[in-house]
Amino acid sequence: MGLYGANPLHDWFVTEWKNHSSKKLDMGKCCVRFKKAEDVPLKLIEELATKLTPEKWIGIYEKMLNR
């Protein structure tokens, strides 16, 4: 999941969650958990997908490996 290791994106997601869902955010280091499929805030997930390209994710991943 691209949120782990990308602090600005993680912070954006946590802040935006409140604008897209009335449910409590249940997030681990590499996942977001949902009890029901209808609880998934699709517009937020759609927007998240546009913010992190595969190339950016690879860069984040490689940066974390080199620590």
N, C-alpha and C. Protein backbone atom coordinates (compact mmCIF):
# COMPACT_ATOMS: atom_id res chain seq x y z
N MET A 1 0.85 -1.17 0.00
CA MET A 1 0.00 0.00 0.00
C MET A 1 0.88 1.23 0.00
N GLY A 2 0.57 2.18 -0.84
CA GLY A 2 1.40 3.35 -1.02
C GLY A 2 1.37 4.36 0.10
N LEU A 3 0.50 4.21 1.06
CA LEU A 3 0.44 5.20 2.14
C LEU A 3 1.57 5.00 3.14
N TYR A 4 2.01 3.77 3.30
CA TYR A 4 3.08 3.49 4.25
C TYR A 4 4.40 3.98 3.66
N GLY A 5 5.07 4.84 4.36
CA GLY A 5 6.34 5.36 3.89
C GLY A 5 6.21 6.67 3.11
N ALA A 6 5.00 7.11 2.86
CA ALA A 6 4.78 8.38 2.14
C ALA A 6 3.98 9.30 3.07
N ASN A 7 4.65 9.89 4.03
CA ASN A 7 3.96 10.65 5.08
C ASN A 7 2.98 11.71 4.58
N PRO A 8 3.34 12.55 3.62
CA PRO A 8 2.35 13.54 3.17
C PRO A 8 1.08 12.90 2.61
N LEU A 9 1.23 11.81 1.88
CA LEU A 9 0.08 11.12 1.32
C LEU A 9 -0.73 10.45 2.44
N HIS A 10 -0.06 9.86 3.39
CA HIS A 10 -0.73 9.24 4.54
C HIS A 10 -1.53 10.29 5.30
N ASP A 11 -0.91 11.42 5.58
CA ASP A 11 -1.59 12.50 6.32
C ASP A 11 -2.80 13.02 5.54
N TRP A 12 -2.64 13.16 4.23
CA TRP A 12 -3.76 13.60 3.38
C TRP A 12 -4.91 12.60 3.50
N PHE A 13 -4.61 11.31 3.40
CA PHE A 13 -5.64 10.28 3.42
C PHE A 13 -6.39 10.29 4.75
N VAL A 14 -5.67 10.37 5.85
CA VAL A 14 -6.31 10.38 7.17
C VAL A 14 -7.22 11.60 7.31
N THR A 15 -6.77 12.74 6.85
CA THR A 15 -7.58 13.96 6.92
C THR A 15 -8.81 13.85 6.03
N GLU A 16 -8.62 13.38 4.81
CA GLU A 16 -9.73 13.27 3.85
C GLU A 16 -10.74 12.20 4.24
N TRP A 17 -10.30 11.19 4.96
CA TRP A 17 -11.20 10.11 5.36
C TRP A 17 -12.46 10.68 6.01
N LYS A 18 -12.26 11.65 6.90
CA LYS A 18 -13.37 12.25 7.64
C LYS A 18 -14.38 12.93 6.72
N ASN A 19 -13.94 13.38 5.56
CA ASN A 19 -14.82 14.04 4.60
C ASN A 19 -15.58 13.05 3.71
N HIS A 20 -15.17 11.78 3.75
CA HIS A 20 -15.75 10.79 2.84
C HIS A 20 -16.45 9.64 3.54
N SER A 21 -16.26 9.51 4.84
CA SER A 21 -16.85 8.38 5.55
C SER A 21 -17.23 8.76 6.97
N SER A 22 -18.33 8.22 7.42
CA SER A 22 -18.73 8.43 8.82
C SER A 22 -18.18 7.32 9.71
N LYS A 23 -17.55 6.33 9.10
CA LYS A 23 -16.96 5.21 9.84
C LYS A 23 -15.60 5.59 10.38
N LYS A 24 -15.22 4.93 11.49
CA LYS A 24 -13.89 5.13 12.05
C LYS A 24 -12.85 4.49 11.12
N LEU A 25 -11.77 5.18 10.88
CA LEU A 25 -10.70 4.65 10.02
C LEU A 25 -9.99 3.51 10.75
N ASP A 26 -9.98 2.34 10.16
CA ASP A 26 -9.30 1.17 10.70
C ASP A 26 -8.16 0.85 9.75
N MET A 27 -6.98 1.38 10.07
CA MET A 27 -5.85 1.28 9.16
C MET A 27 -4.64 0.72 9.87
N GLY A 28 -4.01 -0.26 9.23
CA GLY A 28 -2.75 -0.80 9.71
C GLY A 28 -1.60 -0.16 8.96
N LYS A 29 -0.43 -0.77 9.04
CA LYS A 29 0.73 -0.22 8.34
C LYS A 29 0.63 -0.40 6.83
N CYS A 30 -0.10 -1.42 6.39
CA CYS A 30 -0.17 -1.65 4.95
C CYS A 30 -1.56 -2.00 4.47
N CYS A 31 -2.59 -1.62 5.24
CA CYS A 31 -3.94 -1.95 4.82
C CYS A 31 -4.96 -0.99 5.43
N VAL A 32 -6.11 -0.94 4.79
CA VAL A 32 -7.27 -0.26 5.34
C VAL A 32 -8.34 -1.34 5.42
N ARG A 33 -8.92 -1.52 6.61
CA ARG A 33 -9.89 -2.60 6.82
C ARG A 33 -11.32 -2.06 6.76
N PHE A 34 -12.20 -2.82 6.13
CA PHE A 34 -13.62 -2.48 6.03
C PHE A 34 -14.44 -3.67 6.48
N LYS A 35 -15.50 -3.41 7.23
CA LYS A 35 -16.38 -4.48 7.68
C LYS A 35 -17.35 -4.89 6.57
N LYS A 36 -17.78 -3.93 5.77
CA LYS A 36 -18.73 -4.20 4.69
C LYS A 36 -18.24 -3.51 3.42
N ALA A 37 -18.53 -4.11 2.29
CA ALA A 37 -18.12 -3.52 1.01
C ALA A 37 -18.72 -2.13 0.82
N GLU A 38 -19.93 -1.91 1.30
CA GLU A 38 -20.56 -0.60 1.13
C GLU A 38 -19.92 0.48 2.01
N ASP A 39 -19.04 0.09 2.93
CA ASP A 39 -18.33 1.06 3.77
C ASP A 39 -17.12 1.68 3.05
N VAL A 40 -16.74 1.13 1.93
CA VAL A 40 -15.57 1.63 1.20
C VAL A 40 -15.92 2.97 0.55
N PRO A 41 -15.18 4.04 0.91
CA PRO A 41 -15.44 5.34 0.28
C PRO A 41 -14.76 5.38 -1.10
N LEU A 42 -15.50 4.95 -2.11
CA LEU A 42 -14.92 4.76 -3.44
C LEU A 42 -14.32 6.03 -4.03
N LYS A 43 -14.96 7.17 -3.81
CA LYS A 43 -14.41 8.43 -4.35
C LYS A 43 -13.05 8.74 -3.75
N LEU A 44 -12.89 8.47 -2.46
CA LEU A 44 -11.60 8.71 -1.81
C LEU A 44 -10.54 7.76 -2.35
N ILE A 45 -10.89 6.50 -2.50
CA ILE A 45 -9.95 5.52 -3.04
C ILE A 45 -9.58 5.87 -4.48
N GLU A 46 -10.56 6.33 -5.23
CA GLU A 46 -10.31 6.77 -6.61
C GLU A 46 -9.32 7.93 -6.64
N GLU A 47 -9.53 8.90 -5.77
CA GLU A 47 -8.62 10.04 -5.72
C GLU A 47 -7.23 9.62 -5.27
N LEU A 48 -7.16 8.73 -4.30
CA LEU A 48 -5.86 8.21 -3.84
C LEU A 48 -5.10 7.55 -4.98
N ALA A 49 -5.81 6.78 -5.79
CA ALA A 49 -5.17 6.07 -6.90
C ALA A 49 -4.56 7.02 -7.91
N THR A 50 -5.09 8.23 -8.03
CA THR A 50 -4.52 9.19 -8.98
C THR A 50 -3.31 9.92 -8.40
N LYS A 51 -3.12 9.84 -7.10
CA LYS A 51 -2.04 10.58 -6.45
C LYS A 51 -0.72 9.81 -6.39
N LEU A 52 -0.75 8.52 -6.61
CA LEU A 52 0.47 7.72 -6.49
C LEU A 52 0.63 6.83 -7.71
N THR A 53 1.54 7.21 -8.57
CA THR A 53 1.81 6.40 -9.76
C THR A 53 2.70 5.22 -9.37
N PRO A 54 2.73 4.19 -10.20
CA PRO A 54 3.63 3.07 -9.92
C PRO A 54 5.09 3.52 -9.79
N GLU A 55 5.48 4.48 -10.60
CA GLU A 55 6.86 4.98 -10.55
C GLU A 55 7.15 5.65 -9.20
N LYS A 56 6.20 6.43 -8.70
CA LYS A 56 6.39 7.08 -7.39
C LYS A 56 6.46 6.03 -6.29
N TRP A 57 5.60 5.01 -6.38
CA TRP A 57 5.61 3.97 -5.36
C TRP A 57 6.94 3.22 -5.36
N ILE A 58 7.46 2.91 -6.52
CA ILE A 58 8.76 2.23 -6.62
C ILE A 58 9.84 3.09 -5.99
N GLY A 59 9.80 4.40 -6.25
CA GLY A 59 10.76 5.32 -5.64
C GLY A 59 10.69 5.31 -4.12
N ILE A 60 9.49 5.33 -3.57
CA ILE A 60 9.30 5.27 -2.12
C ILE A 60 9.83 3.95 -1.57
N TYR A 61 9.49 2.88 -2.25
CA TYR A 61 9.93 1.55 -1.82
C TYR A 61 11.46 1.45 -1.82
N GLU A 62 12.09 1.91 -2.88
CA GLU A 62 13.55 1.84 -2.96
C GLU A 62 14.20 2.73 -1.90
N LYS A 63 13.60 3.87 -1.63
CA LYS A 63 14.12 4.77 -0.59
C LYS A 63 14.07 4.09 0.78
N MET A 64 12.98 3.36 1.05
CA MET A 64 12.84 2.66 2.32
C MET A 64 13.85 1.54 2.43
N LEU A 65 14.19 0.89 1.32
CA LEU A 65 15.18 -0.20 1.34
C LEU A 65 16.57 0.32 1.67
N ASN A 66 16.86 1.53 1.26
CA ASN A 66 18.20 2.09 1.43
C ASN A 66 18.42 2.75 2.78
N ARG A 67 17.48 2.65 3.67
CA ARG A 67 17.64 3.24 5.01
C ARG A 67 18.61 2.47 5.84
